Amino acid sequence: MKAVFRYYPLLPSDRLCAGVFDLTGHPVSEGTLYPAQQTLYTQLTAFEDCRKDAVLTSPVVNFDESGLHVTAQLQWLHSAGTHAPTYYTVHRKRGVLAMVAGRHSSHI
């Protein structure tokens, strides 16, 4: 089931539950998703740090941002990408200050 979080990113929990059902034929409750999400969050910390370091040390980085709604409020998905890794963060503001807050670049 944890693989569903990899293939269904940024989806509401009811759609994640539907995705689990589609993949396995077994229904799951939204309450089952949250402990799995917490486990993944904890286990992916080292991976996130490694990816962030790879982006920060790259000589060429592409920065972008796109609006999205989080709990009915407009926020910004910031990306910093290289030829291999890409790092994403969500922030309530856009622009350079939000990228620095998300630690997309140590050179700004």
C-alpha atoms as a PDB file:
ATOM      1  CA  MET A   1       0.000   0.000   0.000  1.00  0.00           C
ATOM      2  CA  LYS A   2       2.862   2.407   0.679  1.00  0.00           C
ATOM      3  CA  ALA A   3       3.690   2.344  -3.027  1.00  0.00           C
ATOM      4  CA  VAL A   4       0.376   4.105  -3.686  1.00  0.00           C
ATOM      5  CA  PHE A   5       1.817   7.270  -2.139  1.00  0.00           C
ATOM      6  CA  ARG A   6       4.601   7.132  -4.725  1.00  0.00           C
ATOM      7  CA  TYR A   7       2.250   6.828  -7.697  1.00  0.00           C
ATOM      8  CA  TYR A   8      -0.615   8.971  -6.455  1.00  0.00           C
ATOM      9  CA  PRO A   9       1.172  12.093  -5.151  1.00  0.00           C
ATOM     10  CA  LEU A  10      -0.712  15.175  -4.035  1.00  0.00           C
ATOM     11  CA  LEU A  11      -4.137  13.529  -4.230  1.00  0.00           C
ATOM     12  CA  PRO A  12      -6.942  13.852  -1.697  1.00  0.00           C
ATOM     13  CA  SER A  13      -7.243  10.914   0.690  1.00  0.00           C
ATOM     14  CA  ASP A  14     -10.514   9.669  -0.815  1.00  0.00           C
ATOM     15  CA  ARG A  15      -8.785   9.347  -4.200  1.00  0.00           C
ATOM     16  CA  LEU A  16      -5.836   7.568  -2.563  1.00  0.00           C
ATOM     17  CA  CYS A  17      -8.281   5.098  -1.030  1.00  0.00           C
ATOM     18  CA  ALA A  18      -9.833   4.571  -4.460  1.00  0.00           C
ATOM     19  CA  GLY A  19      -6.356   4.046  -5.918  1.00  0.00           C
ATOM     20  CA  VAL A  20      -5.561   1.378  -3.313  1.00  0.00           C
ATOM     21  CA  PHE A  21      -8.837  -0.340  -4.128  1.00  0.00           C
ATOM     22  CA  ASP A  22      -8.124  -0.164  -7.871  1.00  0.00           C
ATOM     23  CA  LEU A  23      -4.670  -1.688  -7.364  1.00  0.00           C
ATOM     24  CA  THR A  24      -5.492  -4.325  -4.771  1.00  0.00           C
ATOM     25  CA  GLY A  25      -9.231  -4.909  -4.839  1.00  0.00           C
ATOM     26  CA  HIS A  26      -9.320  -4.211  -1.084  1.00  0.00           C
ATOM     27  CA  PRO A  27     -10.975  -1.155   0.442  1.00  0.00           C
ATOM     28  CA  VAL A  28      -8.998   0.939   2.929  1.00  0.00           C
ATOM     29  CA  SER A  29     -10.170   3.727   5.164  1.00  0.00           C
ATOM     30  CA  GLU A  30      -8.696   7.197   5.212  1.00  0.00           C
ATOM     31  CA  GLY A  31      -7.575   6.434   8.781  1.00  0.00           C
ATOM     32  CA  THR A  32      -5.304   3.700   7.414  1.00  0.00           C
ATOM     33  CA  LEU A  33      -3.565   6.142   5.091  1.00  0.00           C
ATOM     34  CA  TYR A  34      -2.384   8.574   7.748  1.00  0.00           C
ATOM     35  CA  PRO A  35      -0.128   6.190   9.746  1.00  0.00           C
ATOM     36  CA  ALA A  36       1.382   4.959   6.461  1.00  0.00           C
ATOM     37  CA  GLN A  37       2.005   8.544   5.411  1.00  0.00           C
ATOM     38  CA  GLN A  38       3.731   9.295   8.731  1.00  0.00           C
ATOM     39  CA  THR A  39       5.929   6.208   8.357  1.00  0.00           C
ATOM     40  CA  LEU A  40       6.940   7.269   4.856  1.00  0.00           C
ATOM     41  CA  TYR A  41       7.619  10.817   6.018  1.00  0.00           C
ATOM     42  CA  THR A  42       9.994   9.540   8.674  1.00  0.00           C
ATOM     43  CA  GLN A  43      11.740   7.063   6.397  1.00  0.00           C
ATOM     44  CA  LEU A  44      12.221   9.543   3.549  1.00  0.00           C
ATOM     45  CA  THR A  45      14.009  12.253   5.559  1.00  0.00           C
ATOM     46  CA  ALA A  46      17.493  11.055   4.567  1.00  0.00           C
ATOM     47  CA  PHE A  47      16.418  10.745   0.924  1.00  0.00           C
ATOM     48  CA  GLU A  48      15.024  14.285   0.950  1.00  0.00           C
ATOM     49  CA  ASP A  49      18.218  15.677   2.477  1.00  0.00           C
ATOM     50  CA  CYS A  50      20.333  13.910  -0.144  1.00  0.00           C
ATOM     51  CA  ARG A  51      18.153  15.222  -2.981  1.00  0.00           C
ATOM     52  CA  LYS A  52      18.215  18.758  -1.587  1.00  0.00           C
ATOM     53  CA  ASP A  53      22.020  18.653  -1.282  1.00  0.00           C
ATOM     54  CA  ALA A  54      22.337  17.404  -4.884  1.00  0.00           C
ATOM     55  CA  VAL A  55      20.242  20.322  -6.136  1.00  0.00           C
ATOM     56  CA  LEU A  56      22.068  22.897  -4.002  1.00  0.00           C
ATOM     57  CA  THR A  57      25.486  21.768  -5.221  1.00  0.00           C
ATOM     58  CA  SER A  58      24.535  21.570  -8.889  1.00  0.00           C
ATOM     59  CA  PRO A  59      26.081  24.246 -11.130  1.00  0.00           C
ATOM     60  CA  VAL A  60      22.817  24.618 -13.093  1.00  0.00           C
ATOM     61  CA  VAL A  61      19.355  24.616 -11.503  1.00  0.00           C
ATOM     62  CA  ASN A  62      15.960  25.388 -13.058  1.00  0.00           C
ATOM     63  CA  PHE A  63      13.506  27.083 -10.683  1.00  0.00           C
ATOM     64  CA  ASP A  64       9.756  27.157 -11.200  1.00  0.00           C
ATOM     65  CA  GLU A  65       6.576  27.700  -9.219  1.00  0.00           C
ATOM     66  CA  SER A  66       2.936  26.904  -9.769  1.00  0.00           C
ATOM     67  CA  GLY A  67      -0.177  27.768  -7.809  1.00  0.00           C
ATOM     68  CA  LEU A  68      -2.194  25.085  -6.048  1.00  0.00           C
ATOM     69  CA  HIS A  69      -4.887  25.006  -3.412  1.00  0.00           C
ATOM     70  CA  VAL A  70      -4.126  23.606   0.037  1.00  0.00           C
ATOM     71  CA  THR A  71      -7.152  23.483   2.347  1.00  0.00           C
ATOM     72  CA  ALA A  72      -8.952  25.891   0.008  1.00  0.00           C
ATOM     73  CA  GLN A  73      -6.128  28.463   0.170  1.00  0.00           C
ATOM     74  CA  LEU A  74      -3.883  29.404  -2.738  1.00  0.00           C
ATOM     75  CA  GLN A  75      -0.291  28.351  -2.080  1.00  0.00           C
ATOM     76  CA  TRP A  76       2.724  27.780  -4.304  1.00  0.00           C
ATOM     77  CA  LEU A  77       4.485  24.595  -5.342  1.00  0.00           C
ATOM     78  CA  HIS A  78       8.149  25.501  -5.821  1.00  0.00           C
ATOM     79  CA  SER A  79      10.483  23.248  -7.766  1.00  0.00           C
ATOM     80  CA  ALA A  80      14.228  23.298  -8.172  1.00  0.00           C
ATOM     81  CA  GLY A  81      15.421  20.850 -10.801  1.00  0.00           C
ATOM     82  CA  THR A  82      18.665  19.689 -12.298  1.00  0.00           C
ATOM     83  CA  HIS A  83      19.423  17.146 -15.025  1.00  0.00           C
ATOM     84  CA  ALA A  84      18.688  14.387 -12.479  1.00  0.00           C
ATOM     85  CA  PRO A  85      17.083  15.312  -9.126  1.00  0.00           C
ATOM     86  CA  THR A  86      14.217  17.730  -8.594  1.00  0.00           C
ATOM     87  CA  TYR A  87      13.224  19.103  -5.215  1.00  0.00           C
ATOM     88  CA  TYR A  88       9.703  20.351  -4.392  1.00  0.00           C
ATOM     89  CA  THR A  89       8.311  22.432  -1.534  1.00  0.00           C
ATOM     90  CA  VAL A  90       4.975  24.137  -0.875  1.00  0.00           C
ATOM     91  CA  HIS A  91       4.910  27.648   0.568  1.00  0.00           C
ATOM     92  CA  ARG A  92       2.199  30.229   1.099  1.00  0.00           C
ATOM     93  CA  LYS A  93       4.247  32.850  -0.746  1.00  0.00           C
ATOM     94  CA  ARG A  94       5.871  32.900  -4.144  1.00  0.00           C
ATOM     95  CA  GLY A  95       9.184  34.226  -5.377  1.00  0.00           C
ATOM     96  CA  VAL A  96      12.726  34.320  -4.057  1.00  0.00           C
ATOM     97  CA  LEU A  97      11.836  34.585  -0.349  1.00  0.00           C
ATOM     98  CA  ALA A  98       9.741  31.429  -0.535  1.00  0.00           C
ATOM     99  CA  MET A  99      12.493  29.566  -2.388  1.00  0.00           C
ATOM    100  CA  VAL A 100      15.036  30.576   0.247  1.00  0.00           C
ATOM    101  CA  ALA A 101      12.618  29.495   2.990  1.00  0.00           C
ATOM    102  CA  GLY A 102      12.314  26.145   1.213  1.00  0.00           C
ATOM    103  CA  ARG A 103      16.117  26.074   0.883  1.00  0.00           C
ATOM    104  CA  HIS A 104      16.019  25.659  -2.890  1.00  0.00           C
ATOM    105  CA  SER A 105      19.141  27.710  -3.266  1.00  0.00           C
ATOM    106  CA  SER A 106      21.973  28.797  -1.069  1.00  0.00           C
ATOM    107  CA  HIS A 107      23.144  31.175  -3.791  1.00  0.00           C
ATOM    108  CA  ILE A 108      20.197  33.588  -3.783  1.00  0.00           C
END
